[in-house]
Structures are given as C-alpha cells and as structure tokens.
Amino acid sequence: MHAAVTVTPARLPDLLLGLATVRPVFIWGAPGIGKSSLVREFAESLGLECVSLLGTQLAPEDLIGVPQIRDGRSVFCPPEAIARDEPYCLFLDELNAATPDVQKAFYSLILDRRIGSYELPAGSIVIGAGNRATDNALARPIASALVNRLAHVHLEVSPKDWLVWAAGNGIHPWVLDHLTDRPDHLWSKPPKTEEPFSTPRSWHILSDALHSFGPALDEATLGVIAHGTLTPAHAVAFSGYVKIVRSRFGIEAVLRGDARWPHRPEDRDLLYYLAESFRGRLIKELPASKDHLSAAGQQTAYRAKSLLVQLAEISVEVAQSVISPDADGNPVLPAWFLVETARDLPRLVEARR
C-alpha cells in the first residue's frame, strides 16, 4: 500500500487515542520498527489487556470457532482468546500475511465487532498491523472489502524517537552513543537477499547481546554478533566505533596529529569508521563557497588534504570514500574543495571513475 502520509512513533499514541477508540486501525510499516511494541504500550496506557493474534498462524476456524449443538441447533463458539467478558485490545498482527480465507473471517470482527453471536465488550479496540510488500516481507494483497473496513496509518522510522525510548529502556551505551552520532544507521531498507539488516529491533538484539557478554567481549565475537544483526556496512562502522571507545583512539587525535590513521589489516573496520567521521567533519566545517572560508577553515582544508594523502597511502578506496557523492550521486563536499582535491590528489578522482 502506498504511504501518502506517514507518522512517527511519538505521534502514533495520540493518533490511536482519537481513531482506534472509535474505528479499527491498520498500521503499516517496515519490519522491525516497533509496530507491535507500540500497540502493546498503547493498550497498556488505556488499561486494556492486549490480545495478539498472528495472521500467519491462524486458520478460519481459529476465529469462527467450532460448532456445538444447543437446543437442536448448531452454534459456533468463538475461541477463548477472543471471547472475553472485559474490554480489551484485539491486535491482529501480520493481518495482511494471513490467507484470504483468514482475512475474510476477520470481516465481521473488524467492522461489526462480532463473531457469530459473540460481540466484543464495549470499550474494546481493534488494531491490525503488517509489513509492506515492498519490504520483501511476507505480505498478501488485502481485498478492497477489508481495506475499506479499516483506517490506515503508515509508520515511519524516527531515530529521534527511538533514541529517547532507548535512553530509558536499558539499551547498551555503545549502541546508544553510536546511533546518537550516526542516526542514519538505525534503519536500512530490507535487502533482496537473505542477510541481516539494521532496524530498531536488530539494534535492540545487538544491545541485549552486548549486555550478555559484558566487558569480556572480545573483538572477534563482537564482529560475529554485529554482522549477525546489522547491515554489513553498519556492522563494520559499529565495530570500528567500539574499537575507538576501547582504545580511546578517535578522529580528534588524528586531526590534531597526535595519532596516525590505523594501518594494520585487522584495523580496517576502525579505518573505515574514522574515515566516515572525517567525512562528516568536513561536511560540517567546510563552507559551500570558498569566499566564506575563514582562516581556521583554510587550515582545516589544508590539513584535510594532507590527511587524505596519508589515508590514500594506506587505502585509496577508503580515501576515495571520504570525497564520494551520496547514494543519489550528489556531491556532499563543497565543489571548491573537490576541485582542489582533484588537482592535488588526481589518483583519488581516477579511482572514482
């Protein structure tokens, strides 16, 4: 389903308060961004028990119930999980991953709030959630009749919201500090191949692993769990960050000349991380126009070209990554600096071609 307008996790509770209390809602979003957790927290805020039904694990009879004979007539008895006396939040997770027959079984429950003769207690709310087909997740088309029975909300990832949540929920300091510096690493688009990718959920998994291993965690094990939970490039960056934390080796020391670029093959992840930090520093400190270059800026530009020379002696590829354009091919560093770099370091420009 196309997301014309999206909402952040921080906005979702207020939206649900006004919407889900009067009509059923379907929350769309990528895998691992916290849809289920947000629904459970919302239900808890209303004092309602959250009863989750997983669409991929249901058959139609799990909703409609099985027939019993009463007074010579067959009566369908809805399952105990649904047939409750007190109001509650019915959460239909992965609804759009259910088979068409299961989706059809939900029609009356979603719109009329009843199954057979059983009706949801007054004050109950119905919320569905699911991934999008564009996320390479298991998702089936939803019939227009079901689409029209729901109000649809598209949830987006918000690093700001997640970091606020993480600060109060025991997320490992390394994860919290790294994502504070690199919020763009919180989420990446699901790949088309079967490999880990970064989401708020996968960072939470990594945090739990870091807590479990504790201070005795060695570098090799860190690499295994980082690459086992995150997008490969993010795993390399995080491993490099941890090395910096442990060794107190940072970009500031390199910029001051108190330390050189790490050159050992086993420190390549650290080198990539420092190069990314170096790139970020140049983006922040170099003005778009050379006419606005201060004396301090001139010194920064001069020092930057010197550091690029040193970096290229270790790895032309890593040095080239500092001046490379963004994912859409747009330059991120000022044009005047790129021209000077091309003049003074032609092999970096040649490597880009």
Protein backbone atom coordinates (compact mmCIF):
# COMPACT_ATOMS: atom_id res chain seq x y z
CA MET A 1 0.00 0.00 0.00
CA HIS A 2 1.25 3.45 -0.92
CA ALA A 3 2.22 5.72 2.00
CA ALA A 4 0.90 9.16 1.13
CA VAL A 5 1.41 10.48 4.68
CA THR A 6 3.49 8.92 7.45
CA VAL A 7 3.60 9.33 11.22
CA THR A 8 6.43 8.93 13.72
CA PRO A 9 6.26 6.59 16.74
CA ALA A 10 5.92 9.62 19.04
CA ARG A 11 2.76 10.74 17.24
CA LEU A 12 1.15 7.32 16.99
CA PRO A 13 -0.36 7.06 20.53
CA ASP A 14 -2.29 10.34 20.23
CA LEU A 15 -3.49 9.34 16.79
CA LEU A 16 -4.66 5.95 18.03
CA LEU A 17 -6.38 7.54 21.02
CA GLY A 18 -8.66 9.51 18.75
CA LEU A 19 -9.00 6.94 15.99
CA ALA A 20 -8.70 3.37 17.34
CA THR A 21 -11.20 4.07 20.11
CA VAL A 22 -13.95 4.58 17.52
CA ARG A 23 -12.83 2.62 14.45
CA PRO A 24 -10.46 -0.27 13.67
CA VAL A 25 -6.99 0.82 12.52
CA PHE A 26 -4.32 -0.87 10.42
CA ILE A 27 -0.69 0.16 10.98
CA TRP A 28 1.66 -0.29 8.02
CA GLY A 29 5.42 -0.26 8.35
CA ALA A 30 8.72 -1.96 7.60
CA PRO A 31 9.83 -5.00 9.62
CA GLY A 32 11.48 -4.34 12.96
CA ILE A 33 10.44 -0.73 13.53
CA GLY A 34 8.35 -1.38 16.64
CA LYS A 35 4.73 -1.67 15.42
CA SER A 36 3.84 -4.48 17.83
CA SER A 37 5.54 -2.85 20.82
CA LEU A 38 3.78 0.45 20.19
CA VAL A 39 0.37 -1.24 20.06
CA ARG A 40 1.02 -3.11 23.31
CA GLU A 41 2.19 0.08 25.02
CA PHE A 42 -0.87 1.94 23.76
CA ALA A 43 -3.21 -0.76 25.10
CA GLU A 44 -1.42 -0.67 28.44
CA SER A 45 -1.83 3.11 28.61
CA LEU A 46 -5.61 2.59 28.34
CA GLY A 47 -5.59 -0.13 30.98
CA LEU A 48 -6.57 -2.76 28.41
CA GLU A 49 -5.11 -6.22 28.04
CA CYS A 50 -3.56 -6.69 24.60
CA VAL A 51 -4.55 -9.97 22.95
CA SER A 52 -2.38 -10.68 19.91
CA LEU A 53 -3.42 -12.95 17.07
CA LEU A 54 -0.73 -13.71 14.48
CA GLY A 55 -2.20 -13.84 11.00
CA THR A 56 0.33 -16.34 9.68
CA GLN A 57 -0.58 -18.87 12.39
CA LEU A 58 -4.36 -18.78 12.05
CA ALA A 59 -6.95 -20.82 10.22
CA PRO A 60 -10.55 -19.58 9.68
CA GLU A 61 -11.88 -21.92 12.37
CA ASP A 62 -9.47 -20.34 14.87
CA LEU A 63 -11.64 -17.21 14.63
CA ILE A 64 -15.10 -18.51 13.82
CA GLY A 65 -14.79 -21.30 16.36
CA VAL A 66 -16.17 -24.82 16.24
CA PRO A 67 -19.89 -25.67 16.12
CA GLN A 68 -21.79 -27.09 19.07
CA ILE A 69 -25.38 -28.35 19.23
CA ARG A 70 -27.64 -26.35 21.54
CA ASP A 71 -31.37 -26.98 21.64
CA GLY A 72 -31.17 -28.81 18.36
CA ARG A 73 -29.29 -26.02 16.61
CA SER A 74 -25.63 -25.61 15.72
CA VAL A 75 -23.90 -22.70 17.41
CA PHE A 76 -20.39 -21.56 16.67
CA CYS A 77 -18.32 -20.96 19.79
CA PRO A 78 -15.55 -18.38 19.32
CA PRO A 79 -12.17 -19.22 20.87
CA GLU A 80 -11.39 -18.30 24.46
CA ALA A 81 -8.67 -15.85 23.35
CA ILE A 82 -11.33 -13.70 21.68
CA ALA A 83 -14.49 -14.36 23.69
CA ARG A 84 -13.83 -12.24 26.78
CA ASP A 85 -16.13 -10.52 29.21
CA GLU A 86 -14.00 -7.43 29.84
CA PRO A 87 -12.97 -4.84 27.22
CA TYR A 88 -9.57 -5.45 25.66
CA CYS A 89 -7.33 -4.57 22.71
CA LEU A 90 -7.52 -7.13 19.92
CA PHE A 91 -4.25 -6.87 17.99
CA LEU A 92 -4.26 -8.56 14.59
CA ASP A 93 -0.56 -8.79 13.88
CA GLU A 94 0.62 -9.64 10.35
CA LEU A 95 -3.00 -9.49 9.22
CA ASN A 96 -2.01 -8.95 5.61
CA ALA A 97 0.18 -12.08 5.74
CA ALA A 98 -2.86 -14.26 6.52
CA THR A 99 -4.51 -16.36 3.83
CA PRO A 100 -7.53 -14.87 2.02
CA ASP A 101 -9.88 -17.19 3.95
CA VAL A 102 -8.50 -15.96 7.28
CA GLN A 103 -8.72 -12.34 6.16
CA LYS A 104 -12.33 -12.94 5.16
CA ALA A 105 -13.05 -14.43 8.59
CA PHE A 106 -11.98 -11.13 10.13
CA TYR A 107 -14.54 -9.05 8.20
CA SER A 108 -17.36 -9.09 10.73
CA LEU A 109 -14.98 -8.92 13.68
CA ILE A 110 -13.32 -5.80 12.31
CA LEU A 111 -16.34 -3.90 11.08
CA ASP A 112 -19.21 -5.16 13.30
CA ARG A 113 -17.03 -6.14 16.27
CA ARG A 114 -18.70 -9.54 16.47
CA ILE A 115 -18.21 -13.18 15.54
CA GLY A 116 -21.44 -15.13 15.29
CA SER A 117 -23.44 -14.26 18.39
CA TYR A 118 -20.42 -13.00 20.34
CA GLU A 119 -19.82 -9.26 20.39
CA LEU A 120 -16.68 -7.54 21.67
CA PRO A 121 -17.30 -5.87 25.04
CA ALA A 122 -17.94 -2.12 24.93
CA GLY A 123 -14.66 -0.23 25.19
CA SER A 124 -12.68 -2.83 23.23
CA ILE A 125 -10.48 -1.69 20.35
CA VAL A 126 -9.27 -3.50 17.23
CA ILE A 127 -5.86 -2.73 15.71
CA GLY A 128 -4.14 -4.54 12.86
CA ALA A 129 -0.56 -4.26 11.64
CA GLY A 130 1.56 -5.60 8.84
CA ASN A 131 4.62 -5.18 6.68
CA ARG A 132 4.61 -3.85 3.14
CA ALA A 133 5.23 -5.98 0.07
CA THR A 134 7.96 -3.51 -0.93
CA ASP A 135 9.96 -4.58 2.17
CA ASN A 136 10.49 -8.10 0.78
CA ALA A 137 8.33 -9.36 3.64
CA LEU A 138 5.58 -11.96 3.58
CA ALA A 139 2.52 -9.95 2.58
CA ARG A 140 -0.58 -10.82 0.62
CA PRO A 141 -2.88 -8.39 -1.18
CA ILE A 142 -5.77 -7.24 1.01
CA ALA A 143 -9.19 -7.35 -0.61
CA SER A 144 -10.82 -3.98 -1.12
CA ALA A 145 -13.65 -5.02 1.20
CA LEU A 146 -11.16 -5.43 4.05
CA VAL A 147 -9.18 -2.32 3.12
CA ASN A 148 -12.37 -0.30 3.34
CA ARG A 149 -13.16 -1.64 6.80
CA LEU A 150 -10.02 -0.10 8.29
CA ALA A 151 -8.42 3.30 8.82
CA HIS A 152 -4.83 3.08 7.57
CA VAL A 153 -1.76 4.62 9.24
CA HIS A 154 1.77 4.42 7.85
CA LEU A 155 4.52 4.34 10.47
CA GLU A 156 7.97 5.69 9.70
CA VAL A 157 11.28 5.21 11.49
CA SER A 158 12.34 8.13 13.69
CA PRO A 159 15.88 7.99 15.13
CA LYS A 160 15.00 10.85 17.47
CA ASP A 161 12.01 8.99 18.93
CA TRP A 162 13.94 5.73 19.21
CA LEU A 163 16.89 7.32 20.98
CA VAL A 164 14.56 8.89 23.54
CA TRP A 165 12.98 5.49 24.11
CA ALA A 166 16.36 3.70 24.20
CA ALA A 167 17.75 6.05 26.86
CA GLY A 168 15.09 4.89 29.29
CA ASN A 169 14.97 1.21 28.38
CA GLY A 170 18.41 -0.13 29.12
CA ILE A 171 19.88 -0.05 25.62
CA HIS A 172 23.64 -0.62 25.80
CA PRO A 173 25.63 2.65 25.99
CA TRP A 174 27.72 1.70 22.97
CA VAL A 175 24.59 1.33 20.84
CA LEU A 176 23.04 4.49 22.23
CA ASP A 177 26.16 6.62 21.73
CA HIS A 178 26.93 5.24 18.28
CA LEU A 179 23.42 5.87 16.97
CA THR A 180 23.44 9.33 18.51
CA ASP A 181 26.41 10.05 16.22
CA ARG A 182 25.06 8.02 13.28
CA PRO A 183 21.23 8.13 13.42
CA ASP A 184 21.15 7.20 9.74
CA HIS A 185 22.34 3.72 10.75
CA LEU A 186 19.22 2.95 12.80
CA TRP A 187 17.33 1.53 9.82
CA SER A 188 18.15 0.34 6.35
CA LYS A 189 15.88 -0.92 3.61
CA PRO A 190 15.42 -4.70 3.72
CA PRO A 191 17.74 -6.33 1.17
CA LYS A 192 16.57 -8.60 -1.61
CA THR A 193 18.94 -11.31 -0.41
CA GLU A 194 18.81 -13.29 2.82
CA GLU A 195 21.11 -11.29 5.05
CA PRO A 196 20.79 -9.25 8.27
CA PHE A 197 19.75 -5.62 8.02
CA SER A 198 19.58 -2.78 10.52
CA THR A 199 16.30 -1.96 12.26
CA PRO A 200 15.43 -0.71 15.74
CA ARG A 201 14.69 -4.36 16.60
CA SER A 202 18.08 -5.62 15.37
CA TRP A 203 19.91 -2.90 17.31
CA HIS A 204 17.95 -3.98 20.39
CA ILE A 205 19.05 -7.58 19.77
CA LEU A 206 22.65 -6.41 19.50
CA SER A 207 22.28 -4.42 22.71
CA ASP A 208 20.99 -7.49 24.56
CA ALA A 209 23.97 -9.49 23.27
CA LEU A 210 26.43 -6.82 24.42
CA HIS A 211 24.89 -6.86 27.89
CA SER A 212 25.05 -10.65 27.94
CA PHE A 213 28.73 -10.90 27.02
CA GLY A 214 29.73 -8.00 29.23
CA PRO A 215 33.22 -6.44 29.44
CA ALA A 216 34.86 -9.74 28.48
CA LEU A 217 33.53 -9.47 24.91
CA ASP A 218 36.45 -9.95 22.52
CA GLU A 219 36.89 -8.32 19.14
CA ALA A 220 36.18 -11.48 17.11
CA THR A 221 32.93 -12.17 18.95
CA LEU A 222 31.87 -8.55 18.56
CA GLY A 223 32.33 -8.91 14.81
CA VAL A 224 30.19 -12.04 14.75
CA ILE A 225 27.25 -10.54 16.62
CA ALA A 226 27.45 -7.18 14.82
CA HIS A 227 27.46 -8.83 11.39
CA GLY A 228 24.78 -11.22 12.58
CA THR A 229 22.33 -8.45 13.38
CA LEU A 230 23.12 -5.38 11.26
CA THR A 231 23.54 -4.28 7.67
CA PRO A 232 27.16 -5.19 6.75
CA ALA A 233 28.33 -1.57 6.39
CA HIS A 234 26.72 -0.67 9.71
CA ALA A 235 28.34 -3.66 11.40
CA VAL A 236 31.76 -2.51 10.22
CA ALA A 237 31.10 1.03 11.42
CA PHE A 238 29.86 -0.12 14.82
CA SER A 239 32.84 -2.45 15.30
CA GLY A 240 35.14 0.45 14.48
CA TYR A 241 33.33 2.66 16.97
CA VAL A 242 33.77 0.08 19.73
CA LYS A 243 37.49 -0.07 18.97
CA ILE A 244 37.65 3.69 19.40
CA VAL A 245 35.81 3.52 22.70
CA ARG A 246 38.11 0.81 23.99
CA SER A 247 41.37 2.28 22.74
CA ARG A 248 40.49 5.98 23.14
CA PHE A 249 41.62 6.33 19.53
CA GLY A 250 39.42 8.95 17.88
CA ILE A 251 39.22 11.29 14.92
CA GLU A 252 40.15 14.22 17.13
CA ALA A 253 43.58 12.69 17.76
CA VAL A 254 44.05 12.16 14.02
CA LEU A 255 43.03 15.73 13.19
CA ARG A 256 45.40 17.14 15.80
CA GLY A 257 48.26 15.00 14.51
CA ASP A 258 48.56 13.13 17.81
CA ALA A 259 47.75 9.84 16.08
CA ARG A 260 48.03 8.44 12.56
CA TRP A 261 45.47 6.52 10.57
CA PRO A 262 45.41 2.88 11.74
CA HIS A 263 47.21 0.83 9.10
CA ARG A 264 47.06 -2.78 10.31
CA PRO A 265 44.83 -5.09 8.21
CA GLU A 266 42.97 -6.12 11.36
CA ASP A 267 42.11 -2.45 11.99
CA ARG A 268 40.35 -1.95 8.65
CA ASP A 269 36.93 -1.56 10.32
CA LEU A 270 38.40 1.15 12.54
CA LEU A 271 39.91 2.85 9.49
CA TYR A 272 36.52 2.89 7.75
CA TYR A 273 34.85 4.32 10.83
CA LEU A 274 37.43 7.10 11.22
CA ALA A 275 37.16 7.91 7.51
CA GLU A 276 33.38 8.27 7.90
CA SER A 277 33.89 10.53 10.91
CA PHE A 278 36.45 12.56 8.92
CA ARG A 279 33.96 12.94 6.07
CA GLY A 280 31.27 14.09 8.49
CA ARG A 281 33.62 16.65 10.00
CA LEU A 282 34.45 18.10 6.57
CA ILE A 283 30.77 18.30 5.62
CA LYS A 284 30.11 20.20 8.81
CA GLU A 285 33.10 22.58 8.79
CA LEU A 286 33.82 23.44 5.15
CA PRO A 287 31.60 26.25 3.73
CA ALA A 288 29.81 25.84 0.41
CA SER A 289 31.68 28.82 -1.03
CA LYS A 290 35.42 29.40 -0.73
CA ASP A 291 34.67 33.11 -0.38
CA HIS A 292 33.33 32.33 3.10
CA LEU A 293 36.39 30.37 4.13
CA SER A 294 37.86 31.68 7.38
CA ALA A 295 41.48 31.36 8.47
CA ALA A 296 40.51 28.36 10.58
CA GLY A 297 38.66 26.91 7.59
CA GLN A 298 41.74 27.31 5.39
CA GLN A 299 43.77 25.43 7.95
CA THR A 300 41.11 22.70 8.09
CA ALA A 301 41.12 22.35 4.29
CA TYR A 302 44.91 22.20 4.17
CA ARG A 303 45.03 19.63 6.96
CA ALA A 304 42.24 17.62 5.30
CA LYS A 305 44.20 17.27 2.04
CA SER A 306 47.27 16.21 3.97
CA LEU A 307 45.24 13.58 5.82
CA LEU A 308 43.74 12.37 2.55
CA VAL A 309 47.26 11.82 1.22
CA GLN A 310 48.15 9.77 4.29
CA LEU A 311 44.89 7.84 4.05
CA ALA A 312 45.41 7.08 0.36
CA GLU A 313 48.82 5.60 1.17
CA ILE A 314 47.00 3.03 3.29
CA SER A 315 43.91 2.57 1.13
CA VAL A 316 42.89 4.53 -1.96
CA GLU A 317 39.41 3.02 -1.63
CA VAL A 318 38.91 4.33 1.91
CA ALA A 319 40.33 7.74 0.98
CA GLN A 320 38.02 7.90 -2.00
CA SER A 321 35.02 7.18 0.25
CA VAL A 322 35.68 10.47 2.07
CA ILE A 323 35.04 12.55 -1.05
CA SER A 324 32.47 10.32 -2.76
CA PRO A 325 28.93 11.60 -3.54
CA ASP A 326 25.83 10.40 -1.71
CA ALA A 327 23.68 7.45 -2.74
CA ASP A 328 21.88 9.59 -5.33
CA GLY A 329 25.14 10.77 -6.91
CA ASN A 330 25.04 14.26 -5.44
CA PRO A 331 28.27 15.79 -4.04
CA VAL A 332 28.29 16.18 -0.27
CA LEU A 333 31.53 18.16 -0.01
CA PRO A 334 31.91 21.72 -1.40
CA ALA A 335 32.75 21.92 -5.11
CA TRP A 336 35.82 24.09 -4.49
CA PHE A 337 37.29 21.51 -2.13
CA LEU A 338 36.65 18.70 -4.61
CA VAL A 339 38.36 20.71 -7.36
CA GLU A 340 41.42 21.28 -5.18
CA THR A 341 41.45 17.62 -4.19
CA ALA A 342 41.30 16.57 -7.85
CA ARG A 343 44.21 18.88 -8.59
CA ASP A 344 46.38 17.78 -5.67
CA LEU A 345 45.30 14.13 -5.49
CA PRO A 346 44.40 13.07 -9.05
CA ARG A 347 44.55 9.35 -8.24
CA LEU A 348 41.55 9.67 -5.94
CA VAL A 349 39.49 11.16 -8.77
CA GLU A 350 40.74 8.46 -11.15
CA ALA A 351 39.65 5.80 -8.64
CA ARG A 352 36.12 7.20 -8.72
CA ARG A 353 35.83 6.71 -12.48
